[in-house]
Amino acid sequence: SIEGYEEENDFRRGAGTFQKCTAAMKRLKDRGVPFGASLCY
């Protein structure tokens, strides 16, 4: 669940959450694990 870019995401979810979320995406991608995204408008 991500709102888009860092500014929008962290505004709603809290400072640093965008970086933590995208780091988790990278961890999964590096391990060959598929994932999706749930974007809120």
PDB file of all heavy atoms in Angstrom:
ATOM      1  N   SER A   1       0.868  -1.178   0.000  1.00  0.00           N
ATOM      2  CA  SER A   1       0.000   0.000   0.000  1.00  0.00           C
ATOM      3  C   SER A   1       0.904   1.227   0.000  1.00  0.00           C
ATOM      4  O   SER A   1       1.677   1.441   0.932  1.00  0.00           O
ATOM      5  CB  SER A   1      -0.891   0.004   1.242  1.00  0.00           C
ATOM      6  OG  SER A   1      -1.717  -1.133   1.257  1.00  0.00           O
ATOM      7  N   ILE A   2       0.793   1.996  -1.063  1.00  0.00           N
ATOM      8  CA  ILE A   2       1.676   3.149  -1.225  1.00  0.00           C
ATOM      9  C   ILE A   2       0.905   4.236  -1.975  1.00  0.00           C
ATOM     10  O   ILE A   2       0.095   3.936  -2.850  1.00  0.00           O
ATOM     11  CB  ILE A   2       2.981   2.713  -1.942  1.00  0.00           C
ATOM     12  CG1 ILE A   2       4.062   3.772  -1.833  1.00  0.00           C
ATOM     13  CG2 ILE A   2       2.721   2.257  -3.355  1.00  0.00           C
ATOM     14  CD1 ILE A   2       5.450   3.246  -2.167  1.00  0.00           C
ATOM     15  N   GLU A   3       1.128   5.468  -1.599  1.00  0.00           N
ATOM     16  CA  GLU A   3       0.369   6.576  -2.190  1.00  0.00           C
ATOM     17  C   GLU A   3       0.986   7.141  -3.457  1.00  0.00           C
ATOM     18  O   GLU A   3       0.396   7.993  -4.091  1.00  0.00           O
ATOM     19  CB  GLU A   3       0.230   7.724  -1.176  1.00  0.00           C
ATOM     20  CG  GLU A   3      -1.005   7.647  -0.323  1.00  0.00           C
ATOM     21  CD  GLU A   3      -1.111   6.361   0.481  1.00  0.00           C
ATOM     22  OE1 GLU A   3      -0.239   6.044   1.282  1.00  0.00           O
ATOM     23  OE2 GLU A   3      -2.104   5.655   0.282  1.00  0.00           O
ATOM     24  N   GLY A   4       2.145   6.706  -3.815  1.00  0.00           N
ATOM     25  CA  GLY A   4       2.819   7.250  -4.995  1.00  0.00           C
ATOM     26  C   GLY A   4       4.259   7.535  -4.641  1.00  0.00           C
ATOM     27  O   GLY A   4       4.981   6.642  -4.198  1.00  0.00           O
ATOM     28  N   TYR A   5       4.659   8.773  -4.801  1.00  0.00           N
ATOM     29  CA  TYR A   5       6.042   9.142  -4.503  1.00  0.00           C
ATOM     30  C   TYR A   5       6.225   9.451  -3.019  1.00  0.00           C
ATOM     31  O   TYR A   5       5.275   9.470  -2.241  1.00  0.00           O
ATOM     32  CB  TYR A   5       6.468  10.317  -5.378  1.00  0.00           C
ATOM     33  CG  TYR A   5       6.510   9.940  -6.839  1.00  0.00           C
ATOM     34  CD1 TYR A   5       5.561  10.437  -7.731  1.00  0.00           C
ATOM     35  CD2 TYR A   5       7.477   9.068  -7.323  1.00  0.00           C
ATOM     36  CE1 TYR A   5       5.592  10.068  -9.066  1.00  0.00           C
ATOM     37  CE2 TYR A   5       7.511   8.702  -8.658  1.00  0.00           C
ATOM     38  CZ  TYR A   5       6.563   9.208  -9.526  1.00  0.00           C
ATOM     39  OH  TYR A   5       6.581   8.841 -10.840  1.00  0.00           O
ATOM     40  N   GLU A   6       7.470   9.685  -2.645  1.00  0.00           N
ATOM     41  CA  GLU A   6       7.856   9.816  -1.242  1.00  0.00           C
ATOM     42  C   GLU A   6       7.075  10.897  -0.496  1.00  0.00           C
ATOM     43  O   GLU A   6       6.578  10.656   0.610  1.00  0.00           O
ATOM     44  CB  GLU A   6       9.360  10.088  -1.146  1.00  0.00           C
ATOM     45  CG  GLU A   6       9.900  10.025   0.257  1.00  0.00           C
ATOM     46  CD  GLU A   6      11.416   9.964   0.276  1.00  0.00           C
ATOM     47  OE1 GLU A   6      12.067  10.146  -0.780  1.00  0.00           O
ATOM     48  OE2 GLU A   6      11.955   9.717   1.366  1.00  0.00           O
ATOM     49  N   GLU A   7       6.951  12.066  -1.078  1.00  0.00           N
ATOM     50  CA  GLU A   7       6.286  13.172  -0.378  1.00  0.00           C
ATOM     51  C   GLU A   7       4.828  12.830  -0.043  1.00  0.00           C
ATOM     52  O   GLU A   7       4.378  13.023   1.088  1.00  0.00           O
ATOM     53  CB  GLU A   7       6.337  14.442  -1.239  1.00  0.00           C
ATOM     54  CG  GLU A   7       5.697  15.641  -0.558  1.00  0.00           C
ATOM     55  CD  GLU A   7       5.770  16.894  -1.418  1.00  0.00           C
ATOM     56  OE1 GLU A   7       6.470  16.915  -2.449  1.00  0.00           O
ATOM     57  OE2 GLU A   7       5.099  17.873  -1.046  1.00  0.00           O
ATOM     58  N   GLU A   8       4.094  12.303  -1.015  1.00  0.00           N
ATOM     59  CA  GLU A   8       2.695  11.955  -0.798  1.00  0.00           C
ATOM     60  C   GLU A   8       2.560  10.783   0.186  1.00  0.00           C
ATOM     61  O   GLU A   8       1.704  10.784   1.069  1.00  0.00           O
ATOM     62  CB  GLU A   8       2.005  11.577  -2.113  1.00  0.00           C
ATOM     63  CG  GLU A   8       1.880  12.713  -3.105  1.00  0.00           C
ATOM     64  CD  GLU A   8       3.151  12.974  -3.906  1.00  0.00           C
ATOM     65  OE1 GLU A   8       4.082  12.138  -3.873  1.00  0.00           O
ATOM     66  OE2 GLU A   8       3.221  14.034  -4.548  1.00  0.00           O
ATOM     67  N   ASN A   9       3.390   9.783  -0.003  1.00  0.00           N
ATOM     68  CA  ASN A   9       3.323   8.613   0.867  1.00  0.00           C
ATOM     69  C   ASN A   9       3.636   8.981   2.312  1.00  0.00           C
ATOM     70  O   ASN A   9       2.894   8.624   3.231  1.00  0.00           O
ATOM     71  CB  ASN A   9       4.291   7.538   0.375  1.00  0.00           C
ATOM     72  CG  ASN A   9       4.053   6.223   1.066  1.00  0.00           C
ATOM     73  OD1 ASN A   9       3.130   5.501   0.739  1.00  0.00           O
ATOM     74  ND2 ASN A   9       4.877   5.927   2.059  1.00  0.00           N
ATOM     75  N   ASP A  10       4.741   9.687   2.535  1.00  0.00           N
ATOM     76  CA  ASP A  10       5.148  10.018   3.902  1.00  0.00           C
ATOM     77  C   ASP A  10       4.211  11.022   4.559  1.00  0.00           C
ATOM     78  O   ASP A  10       4.070  11.021   5.786  1.00  0.00           O
ATOM     79  CB  ASP A  10       6.588  10.524   3.925  1.00  0.00           C
ATOM     80  CG  ASP A  10       7.601   9.404   3.699  1.00  0.00           C
ATOM     81  OD1 ASP A  10       7.172   8.252   3.471  1.00  0.00           O
ATOM     82  OD2 ASP A  10       8.809   9.685   3.759  1.00  0.00           O
ATOM     83  N   PHE A  11       3.540  11.858   3.765  1.00  0.00           N
ATOM     84  CA  PHE A  11       2.544  12.775   4.325  1.00  0.00           C
ATOM     85  C   PHE A  11       1.436  11.992   5.014  1.00  0.00           C
ATOM     86  O   PHE A  11       0.997  12.331   6.103  1.00  0.00           O
ATOM     87  CB  PHE A  11       1.946  13.666   3.223  1.00  0.00           C
ATOM     88  CG  PHE A  11       0.783  14.499   3.697  1.00  0.00           C
ATOM     89  CD1 PHE A  11       0.998  15.639   4.449  1.00  0.00           C
ATOM     90  CD2 PHE A  11      -0.518  14.123   3.395  1.00  0.00           C
ATOM     91  CE1 PHE A  11      -0.078  16.395   4.908  1.00  0.00           C
ATOM     92  CE2 PHE A  11      -1.594  14.871   3.848  1.00  0.00           C
ATOM     93  CZ  PHE A  11      -1.376  16.016   4.605  1.00  0.00           C
ATOM     94  N   ARG A  12       0.986  10.933   4.370  1.00  0.00           N
ATOM     95  CA  ARG A  12      -0.109  10.137   4.924  1.00  0.00           C
ATOM     96  C   ARG A  12       0.357   9.098   5.936  1.00  0.00           C
ATOM     97  O   ARG A  12      -0.265   8.887   6.960  1.00  0.00           O
ATOM     98  CB  ARG A  12      -0.862   9.416   3.801  1.00  0.00           C
ATOM     99  CG  ARG A  12      -1.977   8.559   4.345  1.00  0.00           C
ATOM    100  CD  ARG A  12      -2.982   8.150   3.296  1.00  0.00           C
ATOM    101  NE  ARG A  12      -4.069   7.474   3.965  1.00  0.00           N
ATOM    102  CZ  ARG A  12      -4.319   6.174   3.852  1.00  0.00           C
ATOM    103  NH1 ARG A  12      -3.581   5.419   3.071  1.00  0.00           N
ATOM    104  NH2 ARG A  12      -5.311   5.633   4.512  1.00  0.00           N
ATOM    105  N   ARG A  13       1.460   8.433   5.664  1.00  0.00           N
ATOM    106  CA  ARG A  13       1.876   7.277   6.460  1.00  0.00           C
ATOM    107  C   ARG A  13       2.947   7.569   7.499  1.00  0.00           C
ATOM    108  O   ARG A  13       3.163   6.762   8.392  1.00  0.00           O
ATOM    109  CB  ARG A  13       2.346   6.154   5.529  1.00  0.00           C
ATOM    110  CG  ARG A  13       1.217   5.675   4.645  1.00  0.00           C
ATOM    111  CD  ARG A  13       1.631   4.534   3.748  1.00  0.00           C
ATOM    112  NE  ARG A  13       0.516   4.124   2.928  1.00  0.00           N
ATOM    113  CZ  ARG A  13      -0.445   3.290   3.309  1.00  0.00           C
ATOM    114  NH1 ARG A  13      -0.422   2.753   4.494  1.00  0.00           N
ATOM    115  NH2 ARG A  13      -1.434   2.992   2.498  1.00  0.00           N
ATOM    116  N   GLY A  14       3.639   8.678   7.366  1.00  0.00           N
ATOM    117  CA  GLY A  14       4.689   9.029   8.315  1.00  0.00           C
ATOM    118  C   GLY A  14       6.052   9.080   7.660  1.00  0.00           C
ATOM    119  O   GLY A  14       6.322   8.347   6.692  1.00  0.00           O
ATOM    120  N   ALA A  15       6.918   9.945   8.183  1.00  0.00           N
ATOM    121  CA  ALA A  15       8.254  10.147   7.623  1.00  0.00           C
ATOM    122  C   ALA A  15       9.023   8.828   7.575  1.00  0.00           C
ATOM    123  O   ALA A  15       9.036   8.061   8.529  1.00  0.00           O
ATOM    124  CB  ALA A  15       9.022  11.172   8.449  1.00  0.00           C
ATOM    125  N   GLY A  16       9.635   8.577   6.427  1.00  0.00           N
ATOM    126  CA  GLY A  16      10.483   7.404   6.261  1.00  0.00           C
ATOM    127  C   GLY A  16       9.780   6.151   5.770  1.00  0.00           C
ATOM    128  O   GLY A  16      10.445   5.158   5.435  1.00  0.00           O
ATOM    129  N   THR A  17       8.444   6.171   5.718  1.00  0.00           N
ATOM    130  CA  THR A  17       7.742   4.940   5.321  1.00  0.00           C
ATOM    131  C   THR A  17       7.937   4.611   3.837  1.00  0.00           C
ATOM    132  O   THR A  17       7.974   3.437   3.478  1.00  0.00           O
ATOM    133  CB  THR A  17       6.238   4.992   5.652  1.00  0.00           C
ATOM    134  OG1 THR A  17       5.653   6.126   5.008  1.00  0.00           O
ATOM    135  CG2 THR A  17       6.009   5.081   7.155  1.00  0.00           C
ATOM    136  N   PHE A  18       8.071   5.617   2.995  1.00  0.00           N
ATOM    137  CA  PHE A  18       8.298   5.362   1.574  1.00  0.00           C
ATOM    138  C   PHE A  18       9.603   4.600   1.388  1.00  0.00           C
ATOM    139  O   PHE A  18       9.655   3.602   0.650  1.00  0.00           O
ATOM    140  CB  PHE A  18       8.339   6.682   0.786  1.00  0.00           C
ATOM    141  CG  PHE A  18       8.576   6.505  -0.684  1.00  0.00           C
ATOM    142  CD1 PHE A  18       7.530   6.227  -1.546  1.00  0.00           C
ATOM    143  CD2 PHE A  18       9.860   6.623  -1.212  1.00  0.00           C
ATOM    144  CE1 PHE A  18       7.744   6.062  -2.906  1.00  0.00           C
ATOM    145  CE2 PHE A  18      10.081   6.463  -2.572  1.00  0.00           C
ATOM    146  CZ  PHE A  18       9.026   6.182  -3.421  1.00  0.00           C
ATOM    147  N   GLN A  19      10.660   5.048   2.046  1.00  0.00           N
ATOM    148  CA  GLN A  19      11.962   4.389   1.926  1.00  0.00           C
ATOM    149  C   GLN A  19      11.915   2.965   2.463  1.00  0.00           C
ATOM    150  O   GLN A  19      12.492   2.054   1.875  1.00  0.00           O
ATOM    151  CB  GLN A  19      13.049   5.200   2.645  1.00  0.00           C
ATOM    152  CG  GLN A  19      13.385   6.508   1.971  1.00  0.00           C
ATOM    153  CD  GLN A  19      13.932   6.327   0.568  1.00  0.00           C
ATOM    154  OE1 GLN A  19      14.680   5.378   0.289  1.00  0.00           O
ATOM    155  NE2 GLN A  19      13.568   7.218  -0.343  1.00  0.00           N
ATOM    156  N   LYS A  20      11.208   2.748   3.578  1.00  0.00           N
ATOM    157  CA  LYS A  20      11.085   1.396   4.134  1.00  0.00           C
ATOM    158  C   LYS A  20      10.303   0.481   3.184  1.00  0.00           C
ATOM    159  O   LYS A  20      10.651  -0.677   2.990  1.00  0.00           O
ATOM    160  CB  LYS A  20      10.409   1.432   5.497  1.00  0.00           C
ATOM    161  CG  LYS A  20      11.279   2.022   6.584  1.00  0.00           C
ATOM    162  CD  LYS A  20      10.538   2.082   7.906  1.00  0.00           C
ATOM    163  CE  LYS A  20      11.384   2.736   8.973  1.00  0.00           C
ATOM    164  NZ  LYS A  20      10.644   2.891  10.234  1.00  0.00           N
ATOM    165  N   CYS A  21       9.251   1.020   2.597  1.00  0.00           N
ATOM    166  CA  CYS A  21       8.417   0.242   1.679  1.00  0.00           C
ATOM    167  C   CYS A  21       9.197  -0.121   0.419  1.00  0.00           C
ATOM    168  O   CYS A  21       9.202  -1.284  -0.004  1.00  0.00           O
ATOM    169  CB  CYS A  21       7.156   1.036   1.337  1.00  0.00           C
ATOM    170  SG  CYS A  21       6.012   0.170   0.246  1.00  0.00           S
ATOM    171  N   THR A  22       9.866   0.851  -0.182  1.00  0.00           N
ATOM    172  CA  THR A  22      10.608   0.556  -1.405  1.00  0.00           C
ATOM    173  C   THR A  22      11.818  -0.340  -1.123  1.00  0.00           C
ATOM    174  O   THR A  22      12.206  -1.138  -1.978  1.00  0.00           O
ATOM    175  CB  THR A  22      11.020   1.844  -2.151  1.00  0.00           C
ATOM    176  OG1 THR A  22      11.748   2.701  -1.260  1.00  0.00           O
ATOM    177  CG2 THR A  22       9.785   2.585  -2.673  1.00  0.00           C
ATOM    178  N   ALA A  23      12.383  -0.261   0.080  1.00  0.00           N
ATOM    179  CA  ALA A  23      13.471  -1.177   0.455  1.00  0.00           C
ATOM    180  C   ALA A  23      12.936  -2.609   0.542  1.00  0.00           C
ATOM    181  O   ALA A  23      13.610  -3.559   0.122  1.00  0.00           O
ATOM    182  CB  ALA A  23      14.105  -0.749   1.780  1.00  0.00           C
ATOM    183  N   ALA A  24      11.716  -2.768   1.068  1.00  0.00           N
ATOM    184  CA  ALA A  24      11.102  -4.105   1.135  1.00  0.00           C
ATOM    185  C   ALA A  24      10.842  -4.634  -0.276  1.00  0.00           C
ATOM    186  O   ALA A  24      11.064  -5.820  -0.548  1.00  0.00           O
ATOM    187  CB  ALA A  24       9.809  -4.053   1.940  1.00  0.00           C
ATOM    188  N   MET A  25      10.383  -3.771  -1.173  1.00  0.00           N
ATOM    189  CA  MET A  25      10.183  -4.183  -2.564  1.00  0.00           C
ATOM    190  C   MET A  25      11.494  -4.685  -3.172  1.00  0.00           C
ATOM    191  O   MET A  25      11.522  -5.718  -3.839  1.00  0.00           O
ATOM    192  CB  MET A  25       9.649  -3.011  -3.392  1.00  0.00           C
ATOM    193  CG  MET A  25       8.248  -2.601  -3.062  1.00  0.00           C
ATOM    194  SD  MET A  25       7.820  -1.133  -4.045  1.00  0.00           S
ATOM    195  CE  MET A  25       6.125  -0.886  -3.539  1.00  0.00           C
ATOM    196  N   LYS A  26      12.579  -3.951  -2.929  1.00  0.00           N
ATOM    197  CA  LYS A  26      13.882  -4.348  -3.463  1.00  0.00           C
ATOM    198  C   LYS A  26      14.334  -5.687  -2.875  1.00  0.00           C
ATOM    199  O   LYS A  26      14.855  -6.543  -3.599  1.00  0.00           O
ATOM    200  CB  LYS A  26      14.930  -3.273  -3.195  1.00  0.00           C
ATOM    201  CG  LYS A  26      16.293  -3.637  -3.777  1.00  0.00           C
ATOM    202  CD  LYS A  26      17.264  -2.508  -3.733  1.00  0.00           C
ATOM    203  CE  LYS A  26      18.622  -2.798  -4.319  1.00  0.00           C
ATOM    204  NZ  LYS A  26      18.961  -4.131  -4.719  1.00  0.00           N
ATOM    205  N   ARG A  27      14.109  -5.866  -1.577  1.00  0.00           N
ATOM    206  CA  ARG A  27      14.479  -7.146  -0.954  1.00  0.00           C
ATOM    207  C   ARG A  27      13.779  -8.319  -1.654  1.00  0.00           C
ATOM    208  O   ARG A  27      14.391  -9.345  -1.918  1.00  0.00           O
ATOM    209  CB  ARG A  27      14.082  -7.149   0.525  1.00  0.00           C
ATOM    210  CG  ARG A  27      14.977  -6.389   1.413  1.00  0.00           C
ATOM    211  CD  ARG A  27      14.536  -6.512   2.881  1.00  0.00           C
ATOM    212  NE  ARG A  27      15.336  -5.631   3.677  1.00  0.00           N
ATOM    213  CZ  ARG A  27      14.941  -4.423   4.095  1.00  0.00           C
ATOM    214  NH1 ARG A  27      13.724  -3.989   3.816  1.00  0.00           N
ATOM    215  NH2 ARG A  27      15.754  -3.671   4.798  1.00  0.00           N
ATOM    216  N   LEU A  28      12.492  -8.152  -1.917  1.00  0.00           N
ATOM    217  CA  LEU A  28      11.736  -9.225  -2.564  1.00  0.00           C
ATOM    218  C   LEU A  28      12.182  -9.413  -4.015  1.00  0.00           C
ATOM    219  O   LEU A  28      12.354 -10.541  -4.473  1.00  0.00           O
ATOM    220  CB  LEU A  28      10.242  -8.956  -2.476  1.00  0.00           C
ATOM    221  CG  LEU A  28       9.665  -8.993  -1.058  1.00  0.00           C
ATOM    222  CD1 LEU A  28       8.196  -8.628  -1.085  1.00  0.00           C
ATOM    223  CD2 LEU A  28       9.870 -10.341  -0.400  1.00  0.00           C
ATOM    224  N   LYS A  29      12.362  -8.313  -4.715  1.00  0.00           N
ATOM    225  CA  LYS A  29      12.808  -8.403  -6.114  1.00  0.00           C
ATOM    226  C   LYS A  29      14.152  -9.113  -6.193  1.00  0.00           C
ATOM    227  O   LYS A  29      14.350  -9.984  -7.046  1.00  0.00           O
ATOM    228  CB  LYS A  29      12.909  -7.003  -6.727  1.00  0.00           C
ATOM    229  CG  LYS A  29      13.337  -6.998  -8.189  1.00  0.00           C
ATOM    230  CD  LYS A  29      13.308  -5.585  -8.741  1.00  0.00           C
ATOM    231  CE  LYS A  29      13.870  -5.454 -10.112  1.00  0.00           C
ATOM    232  NZ  LYS A  29      13.437  -6.331 -11.123  1.00  0.00           N
ATOM    233  N   ASP A  30      15.068  -8.776  -5.284  1.00  0.00           N
ATOM    234  CA  ASP A  30      16.395  -9.408  -5.274  1.00  0.00           C
ATOM    235  C   ASP A  30      16.315 -10.909  -5.001  1.00  0.00           C
ATOM    236  O   ASP A  30      17.216 -11.658  -5.368  1.00  0.00           O
ATOM    237  CB  ASP A  30      17.302  -8.748  -4.230  1.00  0.00           C
ATOM    238  CG  ASP A  30      17.723  -7.341  -4.620  1.00  0.00           C
ATOM    239  OD1 ASP A  30      17.513  -6.932  -5.783  1.00  0.00           O
ATOM    240  OD2 ASP A  30      18.253  -6.626  -3.738  1.00  0.00           O
ATOM    241  N   ARG A  31      15.249 -11.355  -4.359  1.00  0.00           N
ATOM    242  CA  ARG A  31      15.076 -12.770  -4.026  1.00  0.00           C
ATOM    243  C   ARG A  31      14.185 -13.505  -5.027  1.00  0.00           C
ATOM    244  O   ARG A  31      13.874 -14.680  -4.858  1.00  0.00           O
ATOM    245  CB  ARG A  31      14.496 -12.891  -2.620  1.00  0.00           C
ATOM    246  CG  ARG A  31      15.516 -12.562  -1.539  1.00  0.00           C
ATOM    247  CD  ARG A  31      14.849 -12.274  -0.199  1.00  0.00           C
ATOM    248  NE  ARG A  31      15.830 -12.080   0.853  1.00  0.00           N
ATOM    249  CZ  ARG A  31      16.494 -10.951   1.065  1.00  0.00           C
ATOM    250  NH1 ARG A  31      16.305  -9.906   0.262  1.00  0.00           N
ATOM    251  NH2 ARG A  31      17.361 -10.850   2.058  1.00  0.00           N
ATOM    252  N   GLY A  32      13.713 -12.775  -6.033  1.00  0.00           N
ATOM    253  CA  GLY A  32      12.872 -13.399  -7.043  1.00  0.00           C
ATOM    254  C   GLY A  32      11.451 -13.659  -6.572  1.00  0.00           C
ATOM    255  O   GLY A  32      10.813 -14.596  -7.028  1.00  0.00           O
ATOM    256  N   VAL A  33      10.951 -12.801  -5.671  1.00  0.00           N
ATOM    257  CA  VAL A  33       9.594 -12.952  -5.145  1.00  0.00           C
ATOM    258  C   VAL A  33       8.682 -11.900  -5.783  1.00  0.00           C
ATOM    259  O   VAL A  33       8.950 -10.703  -5.664  1.00  0.00           O
ATOM    260  CB  VAL A  33       9.573 -12.801  -3.606  1.00  0.00           C
ATOM    261  CG1 VAL A  33       8.148 -12.855  -3.087  1.00  0.00           C
ATOM    262  CG2 VAL A  33      10.431 -13.871  -2.951  1.00  0.00           C
ATOM    263  N   PRO A  34       7.617 -12.313  -6.457  1.00  0.00           N
ATOM    264  CA  PRO A  34       6.693 -11.343  -7.046  1.00  0.00           C
ATOM    265  C   PRO A  34       5.892 -10.627  -5.967  1.00  0.00           C
ATOM    266  O   PRO A  34       5.606 -11.178  -4.909  1.00  0.00           O
ATOM    267  CB  PRO A  34       5.790 -12.193  -7.925  1.00  0.00           C
ATOM    268  CG  PRO A  34       5.861 -13.560  -7.365  1.00  0.00           C
ATOM    269  CD  PRO A  34       7.202 -13.692  -6.713  1.00  0.00           C
ATOM    270  N   PHE A  35       5.539  -9.392  -6.253  1.00  0.00           N
ATOM    271  CA  PHE A  35       4.716  -8.586  -5.334  1.00  0.00           C
ATOM    272  C   PHE A  35       3.917  -7.609  -6.162  1.00  0.00           C
ATOM    273  O   PHE A  35       4.166  -7.425  -7.354  1.00  0.00           O
ATOM    274  CB  PHE A  35       5.594  -7.861  -4.309  1.00  0.00           C
ATOM    275  CG  PHE A  35       6.603  -6.923  -4.912  1.00  0.00           C
ATOM    276  CD1 PHE A  35       6.271  -5.617  -5.235  1.00  0.00           C
ATOM    277  CD2 PHE A  35       7.891  -7.359  -5.182  1.00  0.00           C
ATOM    278  CE1 PHE A  35       7.201  -4.762  -5.805  1.00  0.00           C
ATOM    279  CE2 PHE A  35       8.838  -6.513  -5.752  1.00  0.00           C
ATOM    280  CZ  PHE A  35       8.485  -5.206  -6.062  1.00  0.00           C
ATOM    281  N   GLY A  36       2.944  -7.007  -5.527  1.00  0.00           N
ATOM    282  CA  GLY A  36       2.102  -6.026  -6.195  1.00  0.00           C
ATOM    283  C   GLY A  36       2.082  -4.723  -5.421  1.00  0.00           C
ATOM    284  O   GLY A  36       2.794  -4.570  -4.425  1.00  0.00           O
ATOM    285  N   ALA A  37       1.254  -3.827  -5.873  1.00  0.00           N
ATOM    286  CA  ALA A  37       1.096  -2.544  -5.199  1.00  0.00           C
ATOM    287  C   ALA A  37      -0.388  -2.218  -5.134  1.00  0.00           C
ATOM    288  O   ALA A  37      -1.151  -2.562  -6.029  1.00  0.00           O
ATOM    289  CB  ALA A  37       1.856  -1.442  -5.927  1.00  0.00           C
ATOM    290  N   SER A  38      -0.765  -1.567  -4.059  1.00  0.00           N
ATOM    291  CA  SER A  38      -2.128  -1.084  -3.877  1.00  0.00           C
ATOM    292  C   SER A  38      -2.020   0.422  -3.729  1.00  0.00           C
ATOM    293  O   SER A  38      -1.552   0.915  -2.702  1.00  0.00           O
ATOM    294  CB  SER A  38      -2.747  -1.727  -2.626  1.00  0.00           C
ATOM    295  OG  SER A  38      -3.998  -1.145  -2.364  1.00  0.00           O
ATOM    296  N   LEU A  39      -2.427   1.134  -4.778  1.00  0.00           N
ATOM    297  CA  LEU A  39      -2.255   2.583  -4.806  1.00  0.00           C
ATOM    298  C   LEU A  39      -3.569   3.279  -4.452  1.00  0.00           C
ATOM    299  O   LEU A  39      -4.627   2.893  -4.940  1.00  0.00           O
ATOM    300  CB  LEU A  39      -1.794   3.037  -6.189  1.00  0.00           C
ATOM    301  CG  LEU A  39      -0.545   2.333  -6.721  1.00  0.00           C
ATOM    302  CD1 LEU A  39      -0.298   2.716  -8.157  1.00  0.00           C
ATOM    303  CD2 LEU A  39       0.644   2.635  -5.859  1.00  0.00           C
ATOM    304  N   CYS A  40      -3.460   4.284  -3.603  1.00  0.00           N
ATOM    305  CA  CYS A  40      -4.646   5.076  -3.234  1.00  0.00           C
ATOM    306  C   CYS A  40      -4.600   6.397  -3.979  1.00  0.00           C
ATOM    307  O   CYS A  40      -3.567   7.054  -4.020  1.00  0.00           O
ATOM    308  CB  CYS A  40      -4.671   5.342  -1.735  1.00  0.00           C
ATOM    309  SG  CYS A  40      -4.882   3.860  -0.762  1.00  0.00           S
ATOM    310  N   TYR A  41      -5.738   6.788  -4.531  1.00  0.00           N
ATOM    311  CA  TYR A  41      -5.815   8.057  -5.240  1.00  0.00           C
ATOM    312  C   TYR A  41      -6.155   9.139  -4.245  1.00  0.00           C
ATOM    313  O   TYR A  41      -7.028   8.979  -3.421  1.00  0.00           O
ATOM    314  CB  TYR A  41      -6.888   7.983  -6.322  1.00  0.00           C
ATOM    315  CG  TYR A  41      -7.162   9.301  -6.980  1.00  0.00           C
ATOM    316  CD1 TYR A  41      -6.230   9.869  -7.828  1.00  0.00           C
ATOM    317  CD2 TYR A  41      -8.355   9.980  -6.750  1.00  0.00           C
ATOM    318  CE1 TYR A  41      -6.479  11.081  -8.430  1.00  0.00           C
ATOM    319  CE2 TYR A  41      -8.605  11.195  -7.347  1.00  0.00           C
ATOM    320  CZ  TYR A  41      -7.670  11.735  -8.190  1.00  0.00           C
ATOM    321  OH  TYR A  41      -7.909  12.942  -8.786  1.00  0.00           O
TER     322      TYR A  41
END
